[in-house]
Structures are given as C-alpha cells and as structure tokens.
C-alpha cells in the first residue's frame, strides 16, 4: 500500500493538476483584458465586478482608486 503524499506518482499528478489550474485561470484573465479604447469608468466597473482575490475585503472607494491607478498606468505605457 502506498502512502498518499510520499510517492512520486502522486506528486507528479498534483503538479500536473496545479499547472492545469494555473493555465486555466491565466487564460481566463487574459480574456478579461479591457480594450485600448476603455476609459476610466470601464476600469472601475470591471474592477468592481471582478472576483479576483486582490479585491476581497476592499471598500468600493479603494477599488475605485486601484482602477484609476491601473487606467493611468496603462495610459502612460501607451505614450
């Protein structure tokens, strides 16, 4: 009988499943990018609707500040 966390086969399976989950979430995030014509309001709306962990427990005011900062950062990179 094999122990669950000590055999190499179990570790490889866990690693493969972890990689699959990572790439699945990465692709989902990539699809959620705002277009080049998005304004600050679009960023605020998108950030407020998001279920991303960095927004959990944040007030609407804080999320709005984060969205505006992201918008301004994106705008600066275009120049």
Protein backbone atom coordinates (compact mmCIF):
# COMPACT_ATOMS: atom_id res chain seq x y z
CA UNK A 1 0.00 0.00 0.00
CA UNK A 2 1.39 3.41 -1.00
CA UNK A 3 1.21 6.48 1.19
CA UNK A 4 -0.63 9.34 -0.50
CA UNK A 5 1.91 12.15 -0.07
CA UNK A 6 5.15 10.19 -0.30
CA UNK A 7 5.06 8.52 -3.69
CA UNK A 8 6.46 10.31 -6.73
CA UNK A 9 3.49 9.43 -8.89
CA UNK A 10 1.17 11.35 -6.56
CA UNK A 11 3.47 14.36 -6.60
CA UNK A 12 3.59 14.38 -10.41
CA UNK A 13 -0.21 14.18 -10.59
CA UNK A 14 -0.61 17.01 -8.10
CA UNK A 15 1.90 19.09 -10.01
CA UNK A 16 0.15 18.44 -13.33
CA UNK A 17 -3.23 19.36 -11.84
CA UNK A 18 -1.76 22.50 -10.33
CA UNK A 19 -0.29 23.51 -13.67
CA UNK A 20 -3.61 22.91 -15.43
CA UNK A 21 -5.46 25.06 -12.89
CA UNK A 22 -2.89 27.83 -13.23
CA UNK A 23 -3.07 27.95 -17.03
CA UNK A 24 -6.86 27.80 -16.98
CA UNK A 25 -7.04 30.83 -14.68
CA UNK A 26 -4.30 32.61 -16.67
CA UNK A 27 -6.20 32.19 -19.94
CA UNK A 28 -9.40 33.42 -18.27
CA UNK A 29 -7.61 36.54 -17.00
CA UNK A 30 -6.11 37.15 -20.44
CA UNK A 31 -9.60 37.15 -21.99
CA UNK A 32 -10.79 39.74 -19.48
CA UNK A 33 -8.44 42.46 -20.72
CA UNK A 34 -10.03 45.81 -21.40
CA UNK A 35 -9.74 47.19 -24.90
CA UNK A 36 -7.46 50.05 -25.92
CA UNK A 37 -10.41 52.47 -26.04
CA UNK A 38 -11.52 51.75 -22.46
CA UNK A 39 -11.96 54.81 -20.27
CA UNK A 40 -11.51 55.15 -16.50
CA UNK A 41 -15.17 54.29 -15.90
CA UNK A 42 -14.74 51.00 -17.73
CA UNK A 43 -11.83 50.14 -15.46
CA UNK A 44 -13.83 51.00 -12.34
CA UNK A 45 -16.80 48.90 -13.49
CA UNK A 46 -14.54 45.97 -14.39
CA UNK A 47 -12.68 46.09 -11.08
CA UNK A 48 -15.93 46.26 -9.08
CA UNK A 49 -17.39 43.24 -10.93
CA UNK A 50 -14.20 41.22 -10.54
CA UNK A 51 -13.95 38.33 -8.12
CA UNK A 52 -10.15 38.47 -8.06
CA UNK A 53 -8.59 37.85 -4.64
CA UNK A 54 -6.82 41.21 -4.53
CA UNK A 55 -10.22 42.94 -4.28
CA UNK A 56 -11.66 40.80 -1.49
CA UNK A 57 -12.43 42.88 1.59
CA UNK A 58 -11.65 46.18 -0.12
CA UNK A 59 -14.12 49.06 0.02
CA UNK A 60 -15.65 50.48 -3.16
CA UNK A 61 -13.57 53.63 -2.69
CA UNK A 62 -10.33 51.61 -2.51
CA UNK A 63 -11.30 49.53 -5.57
CA UNK A 64 -12.06 52.75 -7.45
CA UNK A 65 -8.61 54.14 -6.55
CA UNK A 66 -6.97 50.91 -7.72
CA UNK A 67 -8.91 51.02 -11.01
CA UNK A 68 -7.95 54.64 -11.70
CA UNK A 69 -4.31 53.83 -10.93
CA UNK A 70 -4.43 50.92 -13.39
CA UNK A 71 -6.05 53.13 -16.03
CA UNK A 72 -3.42 55.86 -15.61
CA UNK A 73 -0.61 53.30 -15.67
CA UNK A 74 -1.94 51.80 -18.91
CA UNK A 75 -2.32 55.27 -20.38
CA UNK A 76 1.31 56.13 -19.51
CA UNK A 77 2.59 52.95 -21.14
CA UNK A 78 0.91 53.90 -24.44
CA UNK A 79 2.99 57.08 -24.75
